[in-house]
């Protein structure tokens, strides 16, 4: 599946429009003077998940509260030369790795389930990213991780023009041969997936 996230900065907050296979399906927002991000189904006012940063920690940490009262946690484990993070959501273990070329990969319980690339140049904290993911992945969990990484990037990209050359070092090599699992009985992708 192809997930596209488009971020707009409005006043002191942010709005994210999230499309799945070309159809707008979710929104997320960070209100002015608030620190967390909330993810919503389109046309629903009850958040699917609330993502809250944890303050007074050396490396970035976030807590998740899902609408079914399950909880999760996200923690950056390395940032000096490589970016690696771990998350535990609904009893699943996730690993997030940044690769050369501004690429990120998500591993669930040791298996790759998604990847995305960030833009090299952004203007006024307006950004977009396209993620390629397995059709059977848990969208709530994958979108929570994607929004958390985007929130981390927003904290440091506050200029009118932001240039991101990516990381020089990486803890894992990006797997160019990985292909997402596709549910052929429900495949309605409008365009082919590509790297």
Protein backbone atom coordinates (compact mmCIF):
# COMPACT_ATOMS: atom_id res chain seq x y z
CA UNK A 1 0.00 0.00 0.00
CA UNK A 2 1.10 3.54 -0.62
CA UNK A 3 0.65 6.06 2.19
CA UNK A 4 1.18 9.76 1.47
CA UNK A 5 1.43 12.30 4.26
CA UNK A 6 1.27 16.05 3.56
CA UNK A 7 2.05 18.45 6.37
CA UNK A 8 1.06 22.10 6.59
CA UNK A 9 2.03 24.53 9.29
CA UNK A 10 -0.85 26.73 10.34
CA UNK A 11 -0.05 29.49 12.82
CA UNK A 12 1.77 27.62 15.59
CA UNK A 13 0.19 24.23 14.89
CA UNK A 14 0.38 21.60 12.19
CA UNK A 15 -2.14 19.70 10.08
CA UNK A 16 -1.36 16.41 8.36
CA UNK A 17 -3.49 14.99 5.52
CA UNK A 18 -2.87 11.28 5.04
CA UNK A 19 -3.90 9.38 1.91
CA UNK A 20 -3.90 5.61 1.48
CA UNK A 21 -3.55 4.40 -2.13
CA UNK A 22 -4.50 7.88 -3.35
CA UNK A 23 -7.64 8.33 -1.21
CA UNK A 24 -7.68 10.77 1.73
CA UNK A 25 -8.29 8.52 4.75
CA UNK A 26 -6.83 10.17 7.89
CA UNK A 27 -5.97 13.55 9.34
CA UNK A 28 -3.67 14.44 12.19
CA UNK A 29 -3.04 17.67 14.00
CA UNK A 30 -0.89 19.41 16.53
CA UNK A 31 -2.65 22.41 17.99
CA UNK A 32 -0.93 25.69 18.85
CA UNK A 33 0.77 25.63 22.26
CA UNK A 34 0.20 21.86 22.51
CA UNK A 35 3.03 19.36 22.25
CA UNK A 36 1.28 16.17 21.15
CA UNK A 37 -0.12 14.98 17.84
CA UNK A 38 -3.56 13.38 17.43
CA UNK A 39 -4.46 11.01 14.58
CA UNK A 40 -8.09 10.85 13.36
CA UNK A 41 -10.07 8.82 10.85
CA UNK A 42 -11.45 11.12 8.18
CA UNK A 43 -14.74 12.69 9.38
CA UNK A 44 -14.32 11.42 12.95
CA UNK A 45 -13.65 13.67 15.94
CA UNK A 46 -12.42 10.93 18.28
CA UNK A 47 -8.65 10.46 18.03
CA UNK A 48 -7.39 7.01 17.04
CA UNK A 49 -4.16 7.70 18.91
CA UNK A 50 -2.66 10.57 20.88
CA UNK A 51 1.12 10.91 20.61
CA UNK A 52 2.69 12.77 23.54
CA UNK A 53 6.37 13.69 23.91
CA UNK A 54 8.03 12.86 27.21
CA UNK A 55 9.98 15.79 28.57
CA UNK A 56 13.20 15.90 30.58
CA UNK A 57 14.81 12.97 28.80
CA UNK A 58 18.22 12.98 27.12
CA UNK A 59 17.02 11.30 23.89
CA UNK A 60 13.53 11.80 22.48
CA UNK A 61 10.73 9.66 23.90
CA UNK A 62 7.02 9.55 23.15
CA UNK A 63 4.00 7.85 24.70
CA UNK A 64 1.00 6.61 22.72
CA UNK A 65 -2.57 6.25 23.94
CA UNK A 66 -4.89 4.46 21.50
CA UNK A 67 -8.70 4.79 21.46
CA UNK A 68 -9.04 1.19 22.72
CA UNK A 69 -7.06 2.27 25.85
CA UNK A 70 -3.95 0.36 24.79
CA UNK A 71 -0.69 2.20 25.24
CA UNK A 72 2.68 2.29 23.59
CA UNK A 73 6.09 3.93 23.78
CA UNK A 74 8.67 5.26 21.30
CA UNK A 75 12.30 5.90 22.19
CA UNK A 76 15.23 7.15 20.15
CA UNK A 77 18.21 4.97 21.03
CA UNK A 78 20.96 6.59 18.92
CA UNK A 79 21.32 9.96 17.21
CA UNK A 80 24.99 10.94 17.08
CA UNK A 81 25.96 9.42 13.74
CA UNK A 82 22.95 7.19 13.04
CA UNK A 83 19.25 7.49 13.89
CA UNK A 84 17.71 4.38 15.41
CA UNK A 85 14.53 4.16 17.44
CA UNK A 86 12.40 1.49 19.03
CA UNK A 87 8.68 1.39 19.73
CA UNK A 88 6.36 -0.98 21.52
CA UNK A 89 2.76 -0.66 20.35
CA UNK A 90 -0.06 -3.04 21.26
CA UNK A 91 2.42 -5.77 22.26
CA UNK A 92 4.37 -5.49 18.97
CA UNK A 93 8.04 -4.51 18.87
CA UNK A 94 9.09 -2.03 16.19
CA UNK A 95 12.51 -0.86 15.12
CA UNK A 96 12.94 2.31 13.06
CA UNK A 97 16.20 2.88 11.17
CA UNK A 98 17.36 5.83 9.09
CA UNK A 99 19.47 5.03 6.03
CA UNK A 100 21.58 7.04 3.62
CA UNK A 101 19.52 9.01 1.13
CA UNK A 102 16.95 10.24 3.72
CA UNK A 103 15.25 6.82 3.83
CA UNK A 104 13.59 5.30 6.88
CA UNK A 105 12.58 1.67 7.42
CA UNK A 106 10.11 0.16 9.89
CA UNK A 107 10.63 -3.39 11.15
CA UNK A 108 7.87 -5.16 13.08
CA UNK A 109 9.02 -8.04 15.28
CA UNK A 110 12.19 -8.27 13.15
CA UNK A 111 10.50 -8.21 9.71
CA UNK A 112 10.49 -5.16 7.42
CA UNK A 113 6.94 -3.88 6.86
CA UNK A 114 7.44 -0.37 5.44
CA UNK A 115 9.85 2.32 4.31
CA UNK A 116 9.68 5.99 3.31
CA UNK A 117 11.90 8.80 2.08
CA UNK A 118 11.86 12.40 3.26
CA UNK A 119 12.40 15.40 1.01
CA UNK A 120 15.78 17.06 0.70
CA UNK A 121 14.40 20.62 0.69
CA UNK A 122 11.32 21.84 2.55
CA UNK A 123 9.84 25.29 2.83
CA UNK A 124 8.28 26.73 6.00
CA UNK A 125 7.89 23.33 7.67
CA UNK A 126 5.60 22.17 4.87
CA UNK A 127 6.63 18.64 4.06
CA UNK A 128 5.39 15.49 2.44
CA UNK A 129 6.50 11.88 2.44
CA UNK A 130 5.37 8.72 0.67
CA UNK A 131 5.54 5.43 2.50
CA UNK A 132 5.40 1.98 0.91
CA UNK A 133 3.97 -0.59 3.35
CA UNK A 134 2.60 -4.11 3.52
CA UNK A 135 -1.14 -4.24 2.83
CA UNK A 136 -1.71 -6.21 6.03
CA UNK A 137 0.17 -3.81 8.34
CA UNK A 138 -1.66 -2.14 11.22
CA UNK A 139 -2.24 1.37 9.85
CA UNK A 140 -2.78 2.91 13.29
CA UNK A 141 0.61 1.70 14.46
CA UNK A 142 2.53 2.51 11.27
CA UNK A 143 1.01 5.99 11.03
CA UNK A 144 1.82 6.61 14.71
CA UNK A 145 5.49 5.87 14.02
CA UNK A 146 5.53 7.98 10.83
CA UNK A 147 3.92 10.94 12.65
CA UNK A 148 6.38 10.61 15.53
CA UNK A 149 9.39 10.77 13.21
CA UNK A 150 7.81 13.73 11.36
CA UNK A 151 7.24 15.44 14.72
CA UNK A 152 10.89 14.87 15.64
CA UNK A 153 11.99 16.43 12.33
CA UNK A 154 9.70 19.42 12.84
CA UNK A 155 11.34 20.22 16.16
CA UNK A 156 14.64 20.95 14.41
CA UNK A 157 13.39 22.27 11.03
CA UNK A 158 12.16 25.75 11.92
CA UNK A 159 13.69 27.81 9.12
CA UNK A 160 11.95 29.17 6.03
CA UNK A 161 14.09 26.84 3.92
CA UNK A 162 15.30 23.54 5.41
CA UNK A 163 17.88 21.37 3.68
CA UNK A 164 18.30 17.75 4.74
CA UNK A 165 21.27 15.91 3.21
CA UNK A 166 20.46 12.78 5.20
CA UNK A 167 22.77 10.66 7.28
CA UNK A 168 26.29 9.74 6.27
CA UNK A 169 26.31 6.64 8.48
CA UNK A 170 23.65 3.98 8.94
CA UNK A 171 23.27 1.09 11.35
CA UNK A 172 21.54 -1.11 8.76
CA UNK A 173 21.86 -1.14 5.00
CA UNK A 174 18.66 -0.24 3.12
CA UNK A 175 17.18 -3.33 1.46
CA UNK A 176 16.66 -2.37 -2.21
CA UNK A 177 15.09 -5.76 -2.96
CA UNK A 178 12.27 -5.53 -0.38
CA UNK A 179 8.76 -5.60 -1.83
CA UNK A 180 5.57 -5.01 0.18
CA UNK A 181 3.04 -7.78 0.73
CA UNK A 182 0.06 -7.00 -1.50
CA UNK A 183 -3.48 -8.19 -0.85
CA UNK A 184 -4.55 -8.98 -4.42
CA UNK A 185 -8.19 -9.42 -3.43
CA UNK A 186 -8.35 -5.81 -2.22
CA UNK A 187 -5.70 -4.15 -4.40
CA UNK A 188 -7.00 -0.80 -5.64
CA UNK A 189 -3.72 1.03 -6.06
CA UNK A 190 -3.95 3.59 -8.83
CA UNK A 191 -0.28 3.48 -9.78
CA UNK A 192 2.62 1.05 -9.50
CA UNK A 193 4.87 1.23 -6.47
CA UNK A 194 8.47 2.18 -7.06
CA UNK A 195 11.66 3.12 -5.27
